[in-house]
Amino acid sequence: MAAVNDASIAARSKQWYDDDLTEVNAPIRALLETYSKVPPDQVVPYINKMRPSRGTAAIVGIDVDIFCDCLFLIDFLHHYILELTIPVSIQRERGFAANPYPCIGHYRFLNLTLLSHPLYTDIIRCLRKDPSTLYLDIGCCFGQDLRQLVADSIPSEQLIGLDIEAPLMELGYDLFQDQQTLKSKFIVADVFKGPEQGEPWTSLEQAKVDVIHCSAFFHLFPLPDQVRAAKNIARLVRPDGIIVGRQSGSIKPSEVPAIAAGTTSFRHDISTFQALWDEVGRDTSTEWNVTGTLDSVGMISKKNAVEDENSRRLLFTVTRLR
């Protein structure tokens, strides 16, 4: 989901923008090697080569419109003239210019969050057992978790990606080199608008899905907005369906300063997240059960604008009971 660009790129990047990688985690390495056919000795260079210099907008604050114009030229050359392969670093620069979130600046999109969820094996089993079972990735970004499911032999026709930013999903094709082979549907939609935006959201509501993956989404918004989004998401889930994911939580649940200056976002523990879904249930005539854990996995050690000493990873499963 798009951030509000009300602060300079340079100011944001100082707190949640990392330099080039020297290594990548094992799961994304395996995915790039086996699914995208990147040679093992080229994985890290593939991510870092052709990286813009430290004079890019993400580091020194070049006007973002000029920066995006340059990236548009790169994209034009890629698709229409040179047919170049644009690697992860370029994807990140382009994504960060429009969506300056920590998940992009810190390369967190290279972490396959669904793969680390305790129910991943069960999700695989469910999708394999019944070809009519549908999976929806809300806020799918580059579609990295969706590609992992395909790599684990799930037919891509059963998988749907949804994001408010079409360029992020388009960049996923460049990153994973699968535009001609991936059969998954990618939908541009606003979770906050829900059915009022018409198609393709209304078709999703009618079809209903069995598994929703929704990571790094709710924690971006204040509690009233989270409730509003959750009510719309609830309409997409079949009875006995699940919503799984991870987000920034807190051992002291509260509204905290958010990315956009002057705004807040609510950080949950398990009990407050259950309370949110209790409210959703009352307003949608449904019932939900929340389970999960709070831990320090993936927390940034250095101080930044969006995490503090109370911050934890909230790994959750929300089950629709009725």
Protein backbone atom coordinates (compact mmCIF):
# COMPACT_ATOMS: atom_id res chain seq x y z
CA MET A 1 0.00 0.00 0.00
CA ALA A 2 1.29 3.43 -0.90
CA ALA A 3 2.82 5.65 1.73
CA VAL A 4 2.10 9.35 2.03
CA ASN A 5 5.09 11.11 0.50
CA ASP A 6 5.13 14.10 2.83
CA ALA A 7 8.74 13.85 3.94
CA SER A 8 11.89 13.95 1.85
CA ILE A 9 13.22 10.71 0.43
CA ALA A 10 16.54 11.45 2.10
CA ALA A 11 14.96 11.87 5.53
CA ARG A 12 13.07 8.60 5.22
CA SER A 13 16.00 6.66 3.83
CA LYS A 14 18.30 7.59 6.70
CA GLN A 15 16.15 5.50 9.01
CA TRP A 16 14.98 2.58 6.89
CA TYR A 17 17.17 2.25 3.85
CA ASP A 18 20.04 -0.25 3.73
CA ASP A 19 22.98 -0.39 1.35
CA ASP A 20 23.71 -3.19 -1.10
CA LEU A 21 23.49 -6.75 0.14
CA THR A 22 26.50 -9.00 0.57
CA GLU A 23 24.36 -12.12 0.96
CA VAL A 24 20.71 -13.09 0.86
CA ASN A 25 18.71 -15.41 3.08
CA ALA A 26 18.54 -19.07 2.10
CA PRO A 27 14.82 -19.24 1.14
CA ILE A 28 14.92 -16.34 -1.32
CA ARG A 29 18.22 -17.62 -2.71
CA ALA A 30 16.61 -21.00 -3.33
CA LEU A 31 13.59 -19.37 -4.96
CA LEU A 32 15.71 -17.24 -7.29
CA GLU A 33 17.90 -20.20 -8.20
CA THR A 34 15.18 -22.80 -8.76
CA TYR A 35 12.19 -20.73 -9.86
CA SER A 36 13.84 -17.80 -11.65
CA LYS A 37 16.87 -19.84 -12.82
CA VAL A 38 19.44 -17.35 -11.54
CA PRO A 39 22.86 -19.11 -11.35
CA PRO A 40 23.94 -19.65 -7.72
CA ASP A 41 27.06 -17.51 -8.04
CA GLN A 42 25.03 -14.70 -9.57
CA VAL A 43 22.25 -14.34 -6.98
CA VAL A 44 23.84 -11.53 -4.97
CA PRO A 45 25.24 -9.75 -8.06
CA TYR A 46 21.80 -10.13 -9.64
CA ILE A 47 20.35 -8.25 -6.69
CA ASN A 48 23.03 -5.58 -6.59
CA LYS A 49 24.25 -5.08 -10.17
CA MET A 50 23.09 -2.07 -12.14
CA ARG A 51 22.26 -0.46 -8.82
CA PRO A 52 21.94 3.34 -9.05
CA SER A 53 24.79 5.26 -7.43
CA ARG A 54 24.61 6.94 -4.04
CA GLY A 55 23.41 9.99 -5.94
CA THR A 56 19.96 8.43 -6.36
CA ALA A 57 16.84 9.97 -4.89
CA ALA A 58 16.66 7.33 -2.20
CA ILE A 59 19.90 8.55 -0.66
CA VAL A 60 20.50 12.23 -1.39
CA GLY A 61 17.00 13.55 -1.96
CA ILE A 62 16.89 14.20 -5.71
CA ASP A 63 13.42 15.36 -6.65
CA VAL A 64 11.31 12.22 -6.76
CA ASP A 65 9.59 13.20 -10.03
CA ILE A 66 12.96 13.49 -11.78
CA PHE A 67 14.07 10.19 -10.25
CA CYS A 68 10.91 8.41 -11.37
CA ASP A 69 11.31 9.88 -14.87
CA CYS A 70 14.77 8.30 -15.04
CA LEU A 71 13.36 4.99 -13.85
CA PHE A 72 10.61 5.23 -16.46
CA LEU A 73 13.33 5.52 -19.11
CA ILE A 74 15.04 2.43 -17.70
CA ASP A 75 11.70 0.63 -17.83
CA PHE A 76 11.14 1.74 -21.44
CA LEU A 77 14.56 0.48 -22.47
CA HIS A 78 13.92 -2.76 -20.64
CA HIS A 79 10.61 -3.56 -22.27
CA TYR A 80 10.90 -2.06 -25.74
CA ILE A 81 14.52 -1.71 -26.83
CA LEU A 82 17.17 -3.71 -25.02
CA GLU A 83 15.11 -6.44 -23.30
CA LEU A 84 17.44 -6.16 -20.33
CA THR A 85 16.95 -7.99 -17.07
CA ILE A 86 16.38 -5.43 -14.30
CA PRO A 87 17.49 -7.04 -11.01
CA VAL A 88 16.25 -6.70 -7.46
CA SER A 89 18.14 -3.53 -6.61
CA ILE A 90 16.48 -1.62 -9.45
CA GLN A 91 13.11 -3.05 -8.48
CA ARG A 92 13.69 -1.86 -4.94
CA GLU A 93 14.76 1.63 -6.04
CA ARG A 94 11.64 1.93 -8.17
CA GLY A 95 9.39 0.54 -5.46
CA PHE A 96 10.98 2.68 -2.75
CA ALA A 97 10.62 5.88 -4.79
CA ALA A 98 6.85 5.47 -4.81
CA ASN A 99 6.42 3.43 -1.61
CA PRO A 100 9.12 4.36 0.93
CA TYR A 101 8.32 1.64 3.47
CA PRO A 102 10.81 -0.14 5.73
CA CYS A 103 9.84 -3.44 4.08
CA ILE A 104 11.38 -2.14 0.84
CA GLY A 105 14.20 -0.02 2.24
CA HIS A 106 15.40 -2.84 4.50
CA TYR A 107 15.01 -5.49 1.77
CA ARG A 108 12.32 -7.18 3.89
CA PHE A 109 10.47 -8.09 0.72
CA LEU A 110 13.21 -10.70 0.28
CA ASN A 111 11.93 -12.45 3.41
CA LEU A 112 9.35 -15.05 2.44
CA THR A 113 7.00 -14.39 5.34
CA LEU A 114 4.36 -16.96 4.41
CA LEU A 115 7.02 -19.68 4.26
CA SER A 116 7.89 -19.03 7.92
CA HIS A 117 4.28 -19.22 9.13
CA PRO A 118 3.49 -22.31 11.28
CA LEU A 119 0.55 -23.19 9.01
CA TYR A 120 2.52 -23.10 5.76
CA THR A 121 2.56 -26.88 5.37
CA ASP A 122 -1.18 -27.03 6.06
CA ILE A 123 -1.81 -24.29 3.51
CA ILE A 124 0.16 -26.24 0.91
CA ARG A 125 -1.78 -29.37 1.69
CA CYS A 126 -5.12 -27.55 1.44
CA LEU A 127 -4.28 -25.96 -1.91
CA ARG A 128 -3.02 -29.23 -3.37
CA LYS A 129 -6.00 -31.26 -2.18
CA ASP A 130 -8.72 -29.24 -3.91
CA PRO A 131 -8.10 -27.31 -7.15
CA SER A 132 -11.06 -25.05 -6.33
CA THR A 133 -9.29 -23.75 -3.21
CA LEU A 134 -8.27 -20.12 -3.62
CA TYR A 135 -5.40 -18.16 -2.05
CA LEU A 136 -5.34 -14.35 -1.91
CA ASP A 137 -2.26 -12.28 -1.03
CA ILE A 138 -3.36 -8.82 0.17
CA GLY A 139 -0.67 -6.17 -0.17
CA CYS A 140 1.31 -8.66 -2.22
CA CYS A 141 4.06 -6.17 -3.20
CA PHE A 142 6.29 -7.99 -5.74
CA GLY A 143 4.35 -11.24 -5.29
CA GLN A 144 7.29 -13.04 -3.69
CA ASP A 145 5.22 -15.25 -1.37
CA LEU A 146 2.90 -16.19 -4.20
CA ARG A 147 5.89 -17.31 -6.28
CA GLN A 148 7.08 -19.51 -3.41
CA LEU A 149 3.76 -21.35 -3.50
CA VAL A 150 4.18 -21.92 -7.24
CA ALA A 151 7.71 -23.20 -6.60
CA ASP A 152 6.14 -25.64 -4.13
CA SER A 153 3.97 -27.05 -6.91
CA ILE A 154 0.76 -25.11 -6.32
CA PRO A 155 -0.98 -24.34 -9.63
CA SER A 156 -0.63 -20.61 -10.17
CA GLU A 157 -4.25 -20.38 -11.33
CA GLN A 158 -5.33 -20.87 -7.70
CA LEU A 159 -3.34 -17.86 -6.53
CA ILE A 160 -4.38 -14.20 -6.57
CA GLY A 161 -2.32 -11.16 -5.71
CA LEU A 162 -3.87 -7.85 -4.67
CA ASP A 163 -2.25 -4.48 -4.14
CA ILE A 164 -3.20 -0.85 -4.53
CA GLU A 165 0.02 -0.25 -6.50
CA ALA A 166 0.05 -1.85 -9.96
CA PRO A 167 3.75 -0.98 -10.57
CA LEU A 168 4.84 -3.19 -7.66
CA MET A 169 3.10 -6.20 -9.14
CA GLU A 170 4.50 -5.42 -12.58
CA LEU A 171 7.99 -5.21 -11.09
CA GLY A 172 7.47 -8.71 -9.72
CA TYR A 173 7.47 -10.06 -13.26
CA ASP A 174 10.86 -8.43 -13.86
CA LEU A 175 12.25 -9.71 -10.59
CA PHE A 176 11.13 -13.32 -11.05
CA GLN A 177 11.30 -13.45 -14.86
CA ASP A 178 7.95 -15.22 -15.25
CA GLN A 179 5.64 -12.94 -17.24
CA GLN A 180 5.12 -15.63 -19.88
CA THR A 181 4.60 -18.54 -17.50
CA LEU A 182 2.78 -17.32 -14.38
CA LYS A 183 -0.99 -17.78 -14.64
CA SER A 184 -1.91 -16.05 -11.38
CA LYS A 185 -4.30 -13.09 -11.43
CA PHE A 186 -3.08 -9.77 -10.04
CA ILE A 187 -5.74 -7.29 -8.97
CA VAL A 188 -5.37 -3.55 -8.37
CA ALA A 189 -7.82 -2.66 -5.60
CA ASP A 190 -8.18 -0.55 -2.47
CA VAL A 191 -9.00 -2.58 0.63
CA PHE A 192 -10.51 0.50 2.28
CA LYS A 193 -13.03 1.02 -0.50
CA GLY A 194 -14.13 -2.61 -0.61
CA PRO A 195 -17.32 -3.25 -2.63
CA GLU A 196 -17.92 0.43 -3.42
CA GLN A 197 -15.16 0.20 -6.07
CA GLY A 198 -17.06 -2.47 -7.99
CA GLU A 199 -15.11 -4.97 -10.09
CA PRO A 200 -12.90 -6.83 -9.54
CA TRP A 201 -13.55 -6.59 -5.79
CA THR A 202 -17.18 -7.67 -6.06
CA SER A 203 -16.17 -10.82 -7.91
CA LEU A 204 -13.77 -11.67 -5.10
CA GLU A 205 -16.60 -11.27 -2.59
CA GLN A 206 -18.81 -13.59 -4.58
CA ALA A 207 -16.13 -16.23 -5.11
CA LYS A 208 -14.79 -16.17 -1.53
CA VAL A 209 -11.29 -17.41 -0.77
CA ASP A 210 -10.00 -20.08 1.59
CA VAL A 211 -6.64 -18.60 2.58
CA ILE A 212 -5.68 -14.94 2.80
CA HIS A 213 -2.12 -13.89 3.41
CA CYS A 214 -1.96 -10.34 4.77
CA SER A 215 1.47 -9.32 6.08
CA ALA A 216 2.86 -5.86 6.86
CA PHE A 217 -0.51 -4.23 6.25
CA PHE A 218 -2.61 -3.54 9.35
CA HIS A 219 0.31 -2.05 11.26
CA LEU A 220 0.47 0.86 8.80
CA PHE A 221 -2.81 2.40 9.96
CA PRO A 222 -4.62 3.77 13.03
CA LEU A 223 -7.09 1.44 14.72
CA PRO A 224 -10.30 2.83 13.14
CA ASP A 225 -8.81 2.35 9.67
CA GLN A 226 -7.69 -1.17 10.56
CA VAL A 227 -11.25 -2.03 11.59
CA ARG A 228 -12.62 -0.58 8.36
CA ALA A 229 -10.18 -2.60 6.25
CA ALA A 230 -10.77 -5.78 8.25
CA LYS A 231 -14.53 -5.55 7.67
CA ASN A 232 -13.96 -5.51 3.93
CA ILE A 233 -11.44 -8.34 4.11
CA ALA A 234 -13.87 -10.38 6.20
CA ARG A 235 -16.34 -10.38 3.30
CA LEU A 236 -13.80 -12.23 1.15
CA VAL A 237 -13.30 -15.25 3.44
CA ARG A 238 -15.29 -18.47 3.34
CA PRO A 239 -16.49 -19.99 6.63
CA ASP A 240 -13.59 -22.01 8.10
CA GLY A 241 -11.21 -19.91 5.99
CA ILE A 242 -8.12 -18.33 7.49
CA ILE A 243 -6.18 -15.10 7.37
CA VAL A 244 -2.48 -15.51 8.15
CA GLY A 245 0.39 -13.09 8.30
CA ARG A 246 2.88 -11.13 10.27
CA GLN A 247 3.07 -7.49 11.24
CA SER A 248 4.77 -5.20 13.69
CA GLY A 249 3.19 -5.67 17.11
CA SER A 250 3.96 -4.43 20.58
CA ILE A 251 4.13 -5.66 24.15
CA LYS A 252 2.42 -2.35 24.99
CA PRO A 253 -0.40 -2.06 22.44
CA SER A 254 -1.10 1.53 21.47
CA GLU A 255 -1.16 4.11 18.72
CA VAL A 256 2.41 5.02 17.76
CA PRO A 257 3.88 7.58 15.34
CA ALA A 258 3.53 6.35 11.76
CA ILE A 259 5.48 6.90 8.56
CA ALA A 260 3.56 9.98 7.45
CA ALA A 261 4.29 12.99 9.66
CA GLY A 262 1.50 13.74 12.11
CA THR A 263 -0.19 10.33 11.75
CA THR A 264 -0.33 7.23 13.92
CA SER A 265 -0.68 3.49 13.51
CA PHE A 266 -1.89 0.96 16.06
CA ARG A 267 0.43 -1.85 17.18
CA HIS A 268 -1.31 -4.92 18.58
CA ASP A 269 -0.69 -7.84 20.87
CA ILE A 270 -2.84 -10.97 20.55
CA SER A 271 -5.61 -9.71 22.83
CA THR A 272 -6.08 -6.37 21.06
CA PHE A 273 -5.99 -8.05 17.66
CA GLN A 274 -8.71 -10.42 18.87
CA ALA A 275 -10.71 -7.39 20.04
CA LEU A 276 -10.43 -5.91 16.55
CA TRP A 277 -11.83 -9.08 14.98
CA ASP A 278 -14.55 -9.27 17.64
CA GLU A 279 -15.70 -5.84 16.48
CA VAL A 280 -15.53 -6.98 12.86
CA GLY A 281 -17.63 -10.02 13.75
CA ARG A 282 -20.33 -7.95 15.43
CA ASP A 283 -20.62 -5.65 12.44
CA THR A 284 -20.55 -8.38 9.76
CA SER A 285 -22.50 -11.16 11.54
CA THR A 286 -19.42 -13.38 11.53
CA GLU A 287 -17.20 -14.87 14.23
CA TRP A 288 -13.40 -14.97 14.35
CA ASN A 289 -10.68 -16.50 16.49
CA VAL A 290 -7.17 -15.05 16.68
CA THR A 291 -4.09 -17.06 17.64
CA GLY A 292 -0.48 -16.02 17.36
CA THR A 293 2.82 -15.13 18.97
CA LEU A 294 4.90 -12.07 19.74
CA ASP A 295 8.65 -12.40 19.25
CA SER A 296 11.70 -10.40 18.23
CA VAL A 297 12.34 -12.15 14.91
CA GLY A 298 13.15 -9.66 12.18
CA MET A 299 13.19 -6.62 14.43
CA ILE A 300 15.69 -3.97 13.37
CA SER A 301 18.49 -3.62 15.91
CA LYS A 302 19.24 0.00 15.08
CA LYS A 303 16.84 2.71 16.20
CA ASN A 304 14.42 3.91 13.56
CA ALA A 305 11.21 5.88 13.23
CA VAL A 306 8.83 2.93 13.22
CA GLU A 307 10.18 0.50 15.84
CA ASP A 308 11.09 0.95 19.51
CA GLU A 309 11.96 -1.17 22.55
CA ASN A 310 8.37 -2.42 22.81
CA SER A 311 8.18 -3.55 19.19
CA ARG A 312 7.77 -7.23 18.40
CA ARG A 313 6.87 -9.37 15.42
CA LEU A 314 3.22 -10.43 15.62
CA LEU A 315 2.73 -13.73 13.78
CA PHE A 316 -1.00 -14.43 13.55
CA THR A 317 -3.76 -16.71 12.31
CA VAL A 318 -7.33 -15.41 12.16
CA THR A 319 -9.91 -18.17 11.61
CA ARG A 320 -13.47 -17.54 10.51
CA LEU A 321 -15.65 -19.69 12.78
CA ARG A 322 -18.96 -18.80 11.18
